């Protein structure tokens, strides 16, 4: 069905008041998680059996599998495993993370949920894990580009500035991205270099051979065997030539950089890949209704457990 309204006005949203009414207590949140994760009935996360007993005492866990004899809850085998945070707070965190285009800072989440900033920071990194896998190969036409992320040299302490050799992009992280025009889907990842092997390798890993690929005139994109390649010459002020442009993927960089400067203020090189996954994932589910966006996070949380010690190691 064609959408004629501007932006994403066709989506069915949920107001903050409605989300509180939808999850007024722990029981309501648990029922939503159960229905979303196990639409055909409570299922053992260990063996997949539906032969499950529900304990009235809910101790040591609410459910027990009669086949493999494992105890489990709705959190078992997911990013929430081992968490003492209530399901109500997790559901609201899913809502906030999926509806804020520029992301949610840990300070904002800590105030909204009444948890510590450390807990909120850990929660958001676990939610970002649900967006780590972003689909199969693109068939094109696609736009490919790269961008740099890092602080401005003038804002660095003198000791760090003096140790930097070179100019411009020195000591900045590099992110490569590709956008499929037909599906409007994005794939992006932190890469080590902007050389030909790295950037063309990223495209080959994410775009099917023979697809139409548009890039700028960066030297690393020249001579791309296996693709119908066309470039616009940014170096001489050419940004659009009929269908040749990279405006779509550059709008993704703009959103990510606005979040960098305006929401998070700092994205460390260590965790940058997680932020990139978050923004690519949120971009890819933007056409969905809000409740469907939240459900997509639930569907992606299985097997994505992230321990705090592993996160900060």
C-alpha atoms as a PDB file:
ATOM      1  CA  UNK A   1       0.000   0.000   0.000  1.00  0.00           C
ATOM      2  CA  UNK A   2       1.392   3.392  -1.005  1.00  0.00           C
ATOM      3  CA  UNK A   3       1.889   5.962   1.746  1.00  0.00           C
ATOM      4  CA  UNK A   4       1.140   9.558   0.767  1.00  0.00           C
ATOM      5  CA  UNK A   5       1.495  11.296   4.134  1.00  0.00           C
ATOM      6  CA  UNK A   6       4.833  13.009   4.874  1.00  0.00           C
ATOM      7  CA  UNK A   7       7.471  11.206   6.926  1.00  0.00           C
ATOM      8  CA  UNK A   8       6.242   8.220   8.914  1.00  0.00           C
ATOM      9  CA  UNK A   9       2.799   9.669   9.704  1.00  0.00           C
ATOM     10  CA  UNK A  10       1.104   6.423   8.627  1.00  0.00           C
ATOM     11  CA  UNK A  11       2.498   4.557  11.648  1.00  0.00           C
ATOM     12  CA  UNK A  12       0.382   3.905  14.708  1.00  0.00           C
ATOM     13  CA  UNK A  13       2.208   5.343  17.673  1.00  0.00           C
ATOM     14  CA  UNK A  14       1.815   4.983  21.424  1.00  0.00           C
ATOM     15  CA  UNK A  15       1.884   7.956  23.754  1.00  0.00           C
ATOM     16  CA  UNK A  16       3.798   7.920  27.023  1.00  0.00           C
ATOM     17  CA  UNK A  17       0.513   7.861  28.932  1.00  0.00           C
ATOM     18  CA  UNK A  18      -0.703   4.902  26.880  1.00  0.00           C
ATOM     19  CA  UNK A  19       2.490   2.939  27.525  1.00  0.00           C
ATOM     20  CA  UNK A  20       2.081   3.428  31.281  1.00  0.00           C
ATOM     21  CA  UNK A  21      -1.548   2.271  31.015  1.00  0.00           C
ATOM     22  CA  UNK A  22      -0.478  -0.739  28.951  1.00  0.00           C
ATOM     23  CA  UNK A  23       2.124  -1.761  31.553  1.00  0.00           C
ATOM     24  CA  UNK A  24       0.641  -0.580  34.874  1.00  0.00           C
ATOM     25  CA  UNK A  25       2.318  -3.328  36.898  1.00  0.00           C
ATOM     26  CA  UNK A  26       4.679  -6.297  36.741  1.00  0.00           C
ATOM     27  CA  UNK A  27       1.937  -8.816  35.895  1.00  0.00           C
ATOM     28  CA  UNK A  28       0.786  -6.899  32.821  1.00  0.00           C
ATOM     29  CA  UNK A  29       4.371  -6.548  31.587  1.00  0.00           C
ATOM     30  CA  UNK A  30       5.059 -10.259  32.131  1.00  0.00           C
ATOM     31  CA  UNK A  31       1.939 -11.265  30.183  1.00  0.00           C
ATOM     32  CA  UNK A  32       3.022  -9.078  27.266  1.00  0.00           C
ATOM     33  CA  UNK A  33       6.530 -10.549  27.231  1.00  0.00           C
ATOM     34  CA  UNK A  34       5.129 -14.101  27.395  1.00  0.00           C
ATOM     35  CA  UNK A  35       2.648 -13.514  24.582  1.00  0.00           C
ATOM     36  CA  UNK A  36       5.272 -11.833  22.423  1.00  0.00           C
ATOM     37  CA  UNK A  37       8.094 -14.305  23.020  1.00  0.00           C
ATOM     38  CA  UNK A  38       5.935 -17.450  23.076  1.00  0.00           C
ATOM     39  CA  UNK A  39       2.855 -16.791  20.897  1.00  0.00           C
ATOM     40  CA  UNK A  40       1.885 -20.500  20.827  1.00  0.00           C
ATOM     41  CA  UNK A  41       2.440 -21.071  24.537  1.00  0.00           C
ATOM     42  CA  UNK A  42       5.217 -21.060  27.137  1.00  0.00           C
ATOM     43  CA  UNK A  43       8.180 -22.884  25.645  1.00  0.00           C
ATOM     44  CA  UNK A  44      11.309 -24.242  27.325  1.00  0.00           C
ATOM     45  CA  UNK A  45      14.284 -22.126  26.170  1.00  0.00           C
ATOM     46  CA  UNK A  46      16.603 -25.100  26.705  1.00  0.00           C
ATOM     47  CA  UNK A  47      14.920 -27.894  24.691  1.00  0.00           C
ATOM     48  CA  UNK A  48      11.966 -26.160  23.022  1.00  0.00           C
ATOM     49  CA  UNK A  49       9.350 -28.348  24.696  1.00  0.00           C
ATOM     50  CA  UNK A  50       5.809 -27.104  25.315  1.00  0.00           C
ATOM     51  CA  UNK A  51       5.396 -29.638  28.114  1.00  0.00           C
ATOM     52  CA  UNK A  52       5.839 -26.988  30.796  1.00  0.00           C
ATOM     53  CA  UNK A  53       4.612 -26.807  34.374  1.00  0.00           C
ATOM     54  CA  UNK A  54       3.784 -23.453  35.934  1.00  0.00           C
ATOM     55  CA  UNK A  55       4.582 -23.226  39.615  1.00  0.00           C
ATOM     56  CA  UNK A  56       2.057 -21.517  41.856  1.00  0.00           C
ATOM     57  CA  UNK A  57       4.819 -20.502  44.261  1.00  0.00           C
ATOM     58  CA  UNK A  58       6.930 -19.226  41.293  1.00  0.00           C
ATOM     59  CA  UNK A  59      10.042 -20.378  43.158  1.00  0.00           C
ATOM     60  CA  UNK A  60      12.818 -20.965  42.361  1.00  0.00           C
ATOM     61  CA  UNK A  61      11.507 -20.054  38.879  1.00  0.00           C
ATOM     62  CA  UNK A  62       7.963 -19.650  37.543  1.00  0.00           C
ATOM     63  CA  UNK A  63       8.243 -22.539  35.057  1.00  0.00           C
ATOM     64  CA  UNK A  64       9.702 -26.026  34.936  1.00  0.00           C
ATOM     65  CA  UNK A  65      10.151 -28.140  31.812  1.00  0.00           C
ATOM     66  CA  UNK A  66       8.827 -31.661  32.323  1.00  0.00           C
ATOM     67  CA  UNK A  67      11.089 -33.006  29.561  1.00  0.00           C
ATOM     68  CA  UNK A  68      14.558 -31.599  30.327  1.00  0.00           C
ATOM     69  CA  UNK A  69      13.676 -30.682  33.937  1.00  0.00           C
ATOM     70  CA  UNK A  70      15.075 -27.185  33.657  1.00  0.00           C
ATOM     71  CA  UNK A  71      13.660 -24.261  35.633  1.00  0.00           C
ATOM     72  CA  UNK A  72      13.202 -21.018  33.731  1.00  0.00           C
ATOM     73  CA  UNK A  73      11.420 -17.671  33.486  1.00  0.00           C
ATOM     74  CA  UNK A  74      10.616 -15.219  30.702  1.00  0.00           C
ATOM     75  CA  UNK A  75      14.094 -13.734  31.206  1.00  0.00           C
ATOM     76  CA  UNK A  76      15.989 -17.015  30.759  1.00  0.00           C
ATOM     77  CA  UNK A  77      18.100 -17.152  27.609  1.00  0.00           C
ATOM     78  CA  UNK A  78      17.606 -13.476  26.788  1.00  0.00           C
ATOM     79  CA  UNK A  79      19.361 -10.161  27.321  1.00  0.00           C
ATOM     80  CA  UNK A  80      17.389  -9.850  30.576  1.00  0.00           C
ATOM     81  CA  UNK A  81      18.753 -13.044  32.122  1.00  0.00           C
ATOM     82  CA  UNK A  82      20.235 -12.453  35.560  1.00  0.00           C
ATOM     83  CA  UNK A  83      18.680  -8.987  35.747  1.00  0.00           C
ATOM     84  CA  UNK A  84      16.855  -7.893  38.898  1.00  0.00           C
ATOM     85  CA  UNK A  85      15.195  -5.053  37.006  1.00  0.00           C
ATOM     86  CA  UNK A  86      11.417  -5.435  36.777  1.00  0.00           C
ATOM     87  CA  UNK A  87       9.792  -6.466  33.499  1.00  0.00           C
ATOM     88  CA  UNK A  88       7.716  -3.287  33.667  1.00  0.00           C
ATOM     89  CA  UNK A  89      10.895  -1.191  33.525  1.00  0.00           C
ATOM     90  CA  UNK A  90      12.318  -3.346  30.737  1.00  0.00           C
ATOM     91  CA  UNK A  91       9.146  -2.867  28.655  1.00  0.00           C
ATOM     92  CA  UNK A  92       9.246   0.905  29.118  1.00  0.00           C
ATOM     93  CA  UNK A  93      12.966   0.910  28.238  1.00  0.00           C
ATOM     94  CA  UNK A  94      12.116  -0.937  25.000  1.00  0.00           C
ATOM     95  CA  UNK A  95       9.537   1.757  24.245  1.00  0.00           C
ATOM     96  CA  UNK A  96      11.940   4.627  24.904  1.00  0.00           C
ATOM     97  CA  UNK A  97      14.812   3.085  22.951  1.00  0.00           C
ATOM     98  CA  UNK A  98      12.655   2.343  19.888  1.00  0.00           C
ATOM     99  CA  UNK A  99      10.841   5.692  19.705  1.00  0.00           C
ATOM    100  CA  UNK A 100      13.680   8.165  20.323  1.00  0.00           C
ATOM    101  CA  UNK A 101      15.353   8.636  16.943  1.00  0.00           C
ATOM    102  CA  UNK A 102      18.509  10.130  18.438  1.00  0.00           C
ATOM    103  CA  UNK A 103      18.735   7.514  21.172  1.00  0.00           C
ATOM    104  CA  UNK A 104      18.331   7.654  24.929  1.00  0.00           C
ATOM    105  CA  UNK A 105      21.217   8.626  27.170  1.00  0.00           C
ATOM    106  CA  UNK A 106      21.878   6.603  30.302  1.00  0.00           C
ATOM    107  CA  UNK A 107      21.231   9.722  32.391  1.00  0.00           C
ATOM    108  CA  UNK A 108      17.798  10.191  30.818  1.00  0.00           C
ATOM    109  CA  UNK A 109      16.921   6.524  31.277  1.00  0.00           C
ATOM    110  CA  UNK A 110      18.100   6.516  34.874  1.00  0.00           C
ATOM    111  CA  UNK A 111      15.791   9.446  35.661  1.00  0.00           C
ATOM    112  CA  UNK A 112      12.813   8.037  33.757  1.00  0.00           C
ATOM    113  CA  UNK A 113      13.005   4.519  35.239  1.00  0.00           C
ATOM    114  CA  UNK A 114      14.303   5.315  38.699  1.00  0.00           C
ATOM    115  CA  UNK A 115      17.409   3.139  38.364  1.00  0.00           C
ATOM    116  CA  UNK A 116      21.050   4.086  38.775  1.00  0.00           C
ATOM    117  CA  UNK A 117      22.950   5.583  35.847  1.00  0.00           C
ATOM    118  CA  UNK A 118      25.214   2.526  35.804  1.00  0.00           C
ATOM    119  CA  UNK A 119      22.192   0.225  35.548  1.00  0.00           C
ATOM    120  CA  UNK A 120      20.630   2.358  32.793  1.00  0.00           C
ATOM    121  CA  UNK A 121      23.910   2.332  30.826  1.00  0.00           C
ATOM    122  CA  UNK A 122      24.079  -1.458  31.108  1.00  0.00           C
ATOM    123  CA  UNK A 123      20.411  -1.815  30.093  1.00  0.00           C
ATOM    124  CA  UNK A 124      20.896   0.207  26.909  1.00  0.00           C
ATOM    125  CA  UNK A 125      23.943  -1.782  25.860  1.00  0.00           C
ATOM    126  CA  UNK A 126      21.981  -4.991  26.311  1.00  0.00           C
ATOM    127  CA  UNK A 127      19.122  -3.609  24.235  1.00  0.00           C
ATOM    128  CA  UNK A 128      21.606  -2.663  21.507  1.00  0.00           C
ATOM    129  CA  UNK A 129      22.530  -6.337  21.266  1.00  0.00           C
ATOM    130  CA  UNK A 130      19.073  -7.067  19.806  1.00  0.00           C
ATOM    131  CA  UNK A 131      19.983  -5.018  16.735  1.00  0.00           C
ATOM    132  CA  UNK A 132      23.310  -6.777  16.175  1.00  0.00           C
ATOM    133  CA  UNK A 133      22.030  -8.974  13.324  1.00  0.00           C
ATOM    134  CA  UNK A 134      20.492  -6.952  10.503  1.00  0.00           C
ATOM    135  CA  UNK A 135      19.304  -9.304   7.792  1.00  0.00           C
ATOM    136  CA  UNK A 136      20.652 -10.824   4.587  1.00  0.00           C
ATOM    137  CA  UNK A 137      22.352  -9.487   1.493  1.00  0.00           C
ATOM    138  CA  UNK A 138      21.063  -6.385  -0.278  1.00  0.00           C
ATOM    139  CA  UNK A 139      20.049  -6.720  -3.932  1.00  0.00           C
ATOM    140  CA  UNK A 140      20.351  -3.045  -4.849  1.00  0.00           C
ATOM    141  CA  UNK A 141      20.392  -0.442  -6.052  1.00  0.00           C
ATOM    142  CA  UNK A 142      22.556   0.547  -3.083  1.00  0.00           C
ATOM    143  CA  UNK A 143      24.456   3.550  -1.803  1.00  0.00           C
ATOM    144  CA  UNK A 144      27.788   3.022  -0.035  1.00  0.00           C
ATOM    145  CA  UNK A 145      29.816   5.526   1.952  1.00  0.00           C
ATOM    146  CA  UNK A 146      32.123   5.872   4.948  1.00  0.00           C
ATOM    147  CA  UNK A 147      32.283   8.376   7.782  1.00  0.00           C
ATOM    148  CA  UNK A 148      34.548   9.338  10.671  1.00  0.00           C
ATOM    149  CA  UNK A 149      33.660   9.592  14.347  1.00  0.00           C
ATOM    150  CA  UNK A 150      35.676  11.177  17.111  1.00  0.00           C
ATOM    151  CA  UNK A 151      36.222  14.333  19.084  1.00  0.00           C
ATOM    152  CA  UNK A 152      37.505  17.578  17.612  1.00  0.00           C
ATOM    153  CA  UNK A 153      41.192  18.209  18.075  1.00  0.00           C
ATOM    154  CA  UNK A 154      40.569  21.648  19.590  1.00  0.00           C
ATOM    155  CA  UNK A 155      38.502  20.038  22.377  1.00  0.00           C
ATOM    156  CA  UNK A 156      41.204  17.542  23.330  1.00  0.00           C
ATOM    157  CA  UNK A 157      43.542  18.096  26.268  1.00  0.00           C
ATOM    158  CA  UNK A 158      46.923  19.466  25.270  1.00  0.00           C
ATOM    159  CA  UNK A 159      48.674  16.224  26.231  1.00  0.00           C
ATOM    160  CA  UNK A 160      46.543  14.240  23.753  1.00  0.00           C
ATOM    161  CA  UNK A 161      46.849  16.817  20.962  1.00  0.00           C
ATOM    162  CA  UNK A 162      50.623  16.761  21.217  1.00  0.00           C
ATOM    163  CA  UNK A 163      50.702  12.980  20.807  1.00  0.00           C
ATOM    164  CA  UNK A 164      48.624  13.005  17.634  1.00  0.00           C
ATOM    165  CA  UNK A 165      50.571  12.875  14.414  1.00  0.00           C
ATOM    166  CA  UNK A 166      48.880  14.065  11.268  1.00  0.00           C
ATOM    167  CA  UNK A 167      45.747  16.087  10.604  1.00  0.00           C
ATOM    168  CA  UNK A 168      42.016  15.751  10.033  1.00  0.00           C
ATOM    169  CA  UNK A 169      40.886  12.159  10.530  1.00  0.00           C
ATOM    170  CA  UNK A 170      43.843  11.000  12.613  1.00  0.00           C
ATOM    171  CA  UNK A 171      42.753   8.956  15.652  1.00  0.00           C
ATOM    172  CA  UNK A 172      39.110   8.918  14.536  1.00  0.00           C
ATOM    173  CA  UNK A 173      37.011   5.778  14.179  1.00  0.00           C
ATOM    174  CA  UNK A 174      35.801   4.795  10.704  1.00  0.00           C
ATOM    175  CA  UNK A 175      32.294   3.500  10.013  1.00  0.00           C
ATOM    176  CA  UNK A 176      31.287   2.030   6.649  1.00  0.00           C
ATOM    177  CA  UNK A 177      27.656   1.920   5.617  1.00  0.00           C
ATOM    178  CA  UNK A 178      25.446   0.755   2.781  1.00  0.00           C
ATOM    179  CA  UNK A 179      21.787   1.554   2.126  1.00  0.00           C
ATOM    180  CA  UNK A 180      19.454  -0.470  -0.080  1.00  0.00           C
ATOM    181  CA  UNK A 181      17.148   1.897  -1.924  1.00  0.00           C
ATOM    182  CA  UNK A 182      14.384  -0.637  -2.597  1.00  0.00           C
ATOM    183  CA  UNK A 183      13.948  -1.685   1.035  1.00  0.00           C
ATOM    184  CA  UNK A 184      15.335   1.475   2.692  1.00  0.00           C
ATOM    185  CA  UNK A 185      17.390  -0.807   4.943  1.00  0.00           C
ATOM    186  CA  UNK A 186      20.789   0.147   6.344  1.00  0.00           C
ATOM    187  CA  UNK A 187      23.852  -1.904   7.245  1.00  0.00           C
ATOM    188  CA  UNK A 188      26.790  -0.256   8.952  1.00  0.00           C
ATOM    189  CA  UNK A 189      29.873  -1.367  10.816  1.00  0.00           C
ATOM    190  CA  UNK A 190      33.092  -0.014  12.301  1.00  0.00           C
ATOM    191  CA  UNK A 191      36.034  -0.783  10.002  1.00  0.00           C
ATOM    192  CA  UNK A 192      39.783  -0.518  10.461  1.00  0.00           C
ATOM    193  CA  UNK A 193      40.697   1.423   7.343  1.00  0.00           C
ATOM    194  CA  UNK A 194      39.415   3.273   4.282  1.00  0.00           C
ATOM    195  CA  UNK A 195      41.654   1.359   1.899  1.00  0.00           C
ATOM    196  CA  UNK A 196      40.229  -0.408  -1.157  1.00  0.00           C
ATOM    197  CA  UNK A 197      40.356  -3.893   0.334  1.00  0.00           C
ATOM    198  CA  UNK A 198      38.414  -2.862   3.446  1.00  0.00           C
ATOM    199  CA  UNK A 199      35.691  -0.708   1.883  1.00  0.00           C
ATOM    200  CA  UNK A 200      35.084  -2.914  -1.136  1.00  0.00           C
ATOM    201  CA  UNK A 201      35.197  -5.958   1.127  1.00  0.00           C
ATOM    202  CA  UNK A 202      32.440  -4.427   3.271  1.00  0.00           C
ATOM    203  CA  UNK A 203      30.297  -3.917   0.167  1.00  0.00           C
ATOM    204  CA  UNK A 204      30.905  -7.485  -1.021  1.00  0.00           C
ATOM    205  CA  UNK A 205      29.880  -8.823   2.377  1.00  0.00           C
ATOM    206  CA  UNK A 206      26.558  -6.989   2.310  1.00  0.00           C
ATOM    207  CA  UNK A 207      25.515  -6.516  -1.340  1.00  0.00           C
ATOM    208  CA  UNK A 208      24.843  -9.258  -3.872  1.00  0.00           C
ATOM    209  CA  UNK A 209      27.184  -9.495  -6.824  1.00  0.00           C
ATOM    210  CA  UNK A 210      25.950  -7.675  -9.912  1.00  0.00           C
ATOM    211  CA  UNK A 211      23.901  -5.102  -7.989  1.00  0.00           C
ATOM    212  CA  UNK A 212      23.941  -1.418  -8.826  1.00  0.00           C
ATOM    213  CA  UNK A 213      26.125   0.475  -6.325  1.00  0.00           C
ATOM    214  CA  UNK A 214      26.460   4.248  -6.050  1.00  0.00           C
ATOM    215  CA  UNK A 215      29.391   5.844  -4.213  1.00  0.00           C
ATOM    216  CA  UNK A 216      31.349   9.070  -4.159  1.00  0.00           C
ATOM    217  CA  UNK A 217      34.671   9.351  -5.998  1.00  0.00           C
ATOM    218  CA  UNK A 218      36.847   8.139  -3.115  1.00  0.00           C
ATOM    219  CA  UNK A 219      39.806   6.289  -4.635  1.00  0.00           C
ATOM    220  CA  UNK A 220      39.007   3.106  -2.709  1.00  0.00           C
ATOM    221  CA  UNK A 221      35.723   2.690  -4.597  1.00  0.00           C
ATOM    222  CA  UNK A 222      37.330   2.804  -8.032  1.00  0.00           C
ATOM    223  CA  UNK A 223      37.438  -0.383 -10.107  1.00  0.00           C
ATOM    224  CA  UNK A 224      34.784  -2.439  -8.289  1.00  0.00           C
ATOM    225  CA  UNK A 225      34.641  -5.803 -10.093  1.00  0.00           C
ATOM    226  CA  UNK A 226      31.376  -7.700  -9.770  1.00  0.00           C
ATOM    227  CA  UNK A 227      29.161  -4.626  -9.357  1.00  0.00           C
ATOM    228  CA  UNK A 228      27.449  -2.126 -11.638  1.00  0.00           C
ATOM    229  CA  UNK A 229      29.257   0.817 -10.067  1.00  0.00           C
ATOM    230  CA  UNK A 230      28.629   4.520 -10.606  1.00  0.00           C
ATOM    231  CA  UNK A 231      30.187   7.396  -8.682  1.00  0.00           C
ATOM    232  CA  UNK A 232      29.413  11.065  -8.156  1.00  0.00           C
ATOM    233  CA  UNK A 233      32.378  13.405  -8.042  1.00  0.00           C
ATOM    234  CA  UNK A 234      32.209  15.144  -4.683  1.00  0.00           C
ATOM    235  CA  UNK A 235      35.731  16.412  -5.252  1.00  0.00           C
ATOM    236  CA  UNK A 236      34.462  18.803  -7.961  1.00  0.00           C
ATOM    237  CA  UNK A 237      31.180  19.721  -6.275  1.00  0.00           C
ATOM    238  CA  UNK A 238      28.979  17.115  -7.972  1.00  0.00           C
ATOM    239  CA  UNK A 239      26.528  15.553  -5.515  1.00  0.00           C
ATOM    240  CA  UNK A 240      23.635  14.358  -7.697  1.00  0.00           C
ATOM    241  CA  UNK A 241      23.669  13.100 -11.291  1.00  0.00           C
ATOM    242  CA  UNK A 242      20.295  11.619 -12.230  1.00  0.00           C
ATOM    243  CA  UNK A 243      20.053   8.513  -9.976  1.00  0.00           C
ATOM    244  CA  UNK A 244      23.679   8.669  -8.876  1.00  0.00           C
ATOM    245  CA  UNK A 245      24.051  10.066  -5.339  1.00  0.00           C
ATOM    246  CA  UNK A 246      24.725   8.949  -1.774  1.00  0.00           C
ATOM    247  CA  UNK A 247      22.223  11.232  -0.047  1.00  0.00           C
ATOM    248  CA  UNK A 248      20.350   8.366   1.587  1.00  0.00           C
ATOM    249  CA  UNK A 249      23.278   6.849   3.439  1.00  0.00           C
ATOM    250  CA  UNK A 250      24.581  10.337   4.284  1.00  0.00           C
ATOM    251  CA  UNK A 251      21.277  11.139   6.018  1.00  0.00           C
ATOM    252  CA  UNK A 252      21.983   8.123   8.238  1.00  0.00           C
ATOM    253  CA  UNK A 253      25.387   9.596   9.138  1.00  0.00           C
ATOM    254  CA  UNK A 254      23.666  12.895   9.946  1.00  0.00           C
ATOM    255  CA  UNK A 255      21.279  11.202  12.393  1.00  0.00           C
ATOM    256  CA  UNK A 256      24.076   9.238  14.054  1.00  0.00           C
ATOM    257  CA  UNK A 257      26.249  12.345  14.419  1.00  0.00           C
ATOM    258  CA  UNK A 258      23.401  14.389  15.853  1.00  0.00           C
ATOM    259  CA  UNK A 259      22.990  11.690  18.474  1.00  0.00           C
ATOM    260  CA  UNK A 260      26.743  11.677  19.072  1.00  0.00           C
ATOM    261  CA  UNK A 261      26.851  15.412  19.740  1.00  0.00           C
ATOM    262  CA  UNK A 262      23.419  16.003  21.214  1.00  0.00           C
ATOM    263  CA  UNK A 263      22.470  12.859  23.159  1.00  0.00           C
ATOM    264  CA  UNK A 264      25.549  10.868  24.098  1.00  0.00           C
ATOM    265  CA  UNK A 265      28.276  13.551  23.701  1.00  0.00           C
ATOM    266  CA  UNK A 266      30.873  10.773  23.621  1.00  0.00           C
ATOM    267  CA  UNK A 267      30.955   7.395  21.892  1.00  0.00           C
ATOM    268  CA  UNK A 268      34.087   5.501  22.816  1.00  0.00           C
ATOM    269  CA  UNK A 269      35.860   3.497  20.126  1.00  0.00           C
ATOM    270  CA  UNK A 270      35.350   0.450  22.314  1.00  0.00           C
ATOM    271  CA  UNK A 271      31.542   0.609  22.201  1.00  0.00           C
ATOM    272  CA  UNK A 272      31.020   2.479  18.914  1.00  0.00           C
ATOM    273  CA  UNK A 273      29.980  -0.709  17.083  1.00  0.00           C
ATOM    274  CA  UNK A 274      27.080  -1.136  19.529  1.00  0.00           C
ATOM    275  CA  UNK A 275      25.850   2.415  18.904  1.00  0.00           C
ATOM    276  CA  UNK A 276      26.122   1.890  15.141  1.00  0.00           C
ATOM    277  CA  UNK A 277      24.098  -1.333  15.454  1.00  0.00           C
ATOM    278  CA  UNK A 278      21.455   0.526  17.457  1.00  0.00           C
ATOM    279  CA  UNK A 279      20.975   3.294  14.918  1.00  0.00           C
ATOM    280  CA  UNK A 280      21.008   0.955  11.918  1.00  0.00           C
ATOM    281  CA  UNK A 281      18.526  -1.330  13.676  1.00  0.00           C
ATOM    282  CA  UNK A 282      16.208   1.493  14.704  1.00  0.00           C
ATOM    283  CA  UNK A 283      16.337   2.941  11.181  1.00  0.00           C
ATOM    284  CA  UNK A 284      15.332  -0.441   9.758  1.00  0.00           C
ATOM    285  CA  UNK A 285      12.235  -0.794  11.968  1.00  0.00           C
ATOM    286  CA  UNK A 286      11.046   2.811  11.605  1.00  0.00           C
ATOM    287  CA  UNK A 287       8.187   1.922   9.189  1.00  0.00           C
ATOM    288  CA  UNK A 288       6.616  -0.323  11.860  1.00  0.00           C
ATOM    289  CA  UNK A 289       3.961   0.699  14.366  1.00  0.00           C
ATOM    290  CA  UNK A 290       5.400   1.424  17.805  1.00  0.00           C
ATOM    291  CA  UNK A 291       4.158  -1.810  19.380  1.00  0.00           C
ATOM    292  CA  UNK A 292       5.638  -3.767  16.458  1.00  0.00           C
ATOM    293  CA  UNK A 293       8.972  -1.995  16.996  1.00  0.00           C
ATOM    294  CA  UNK A 294       8.920  -3.088  20.636  1.00  0.00           C
ATOM    295  CA  UNK A 295       8.003  -6.642  19.641  1.00  0.00           C
ATOM    296  CA  UNK A 296      10.907  -6.729  17.188  1.00  0.00           C
ATOM    297  CA  UNK A 297      13.245  -5.997  20.116  1.00  0.00           C
ATOM    298  CA  UNK A 298      11.698  -8.888  22.047  1.00  0.00           C
ATOM    299  CA  UNK A 299      12.145 -11.198  19.050  1.00  0.00           C
ATOM    300  CA  UNK A 300      15.809 -10.204  18.860  1.00  0.00           C
ATOM    301  CA  UNK A 301      16.609 -10.592  22.557  1.00  0.00           C
ATOM    302  CA  UNK A 302      16.876 -14.404  22.554  1.00  0.00           C
ATOM    303  CA  UNK A 303      20.443 -15.642  22.923  1.00  0.00           C
ATOM    304  CA  UNK A 304      21.789 -12.105  23.326  1.00  0.00           C
ATOM    305  CA  UNK A 305      22.848 -12.211  26.961  1.00  0.00           C
ATOM    306  CA  UNK A 306      25.565  -9.681  27.778  1.00  0.00           C
ATOM    307  CA  UNK A 307      27.307  -9.755  31.147  1.00  0.00           C
ATOM    308  CA  UNK A 308      28.578  -6.535  32.707  1.00  0.00           C
ATOM    309  CA  UNK A 309      32.072  -7.964  33.189  1.00  0.00           C
ATOM    310  CA  UNK A 310      32.229  -8.820  29.489  1.00  0.00           C
ATOM    311  CA  UNK A 311      30.979  -5.356  28.555  1.00  0.00           C
ATOM    312  CA  UNK A 312      33.642  -3.477  30.506  1.00  0.00           C
ATOM    313  CA  UNK A 313      36.477  -5.972  30.000  1.00  0.00           C
END
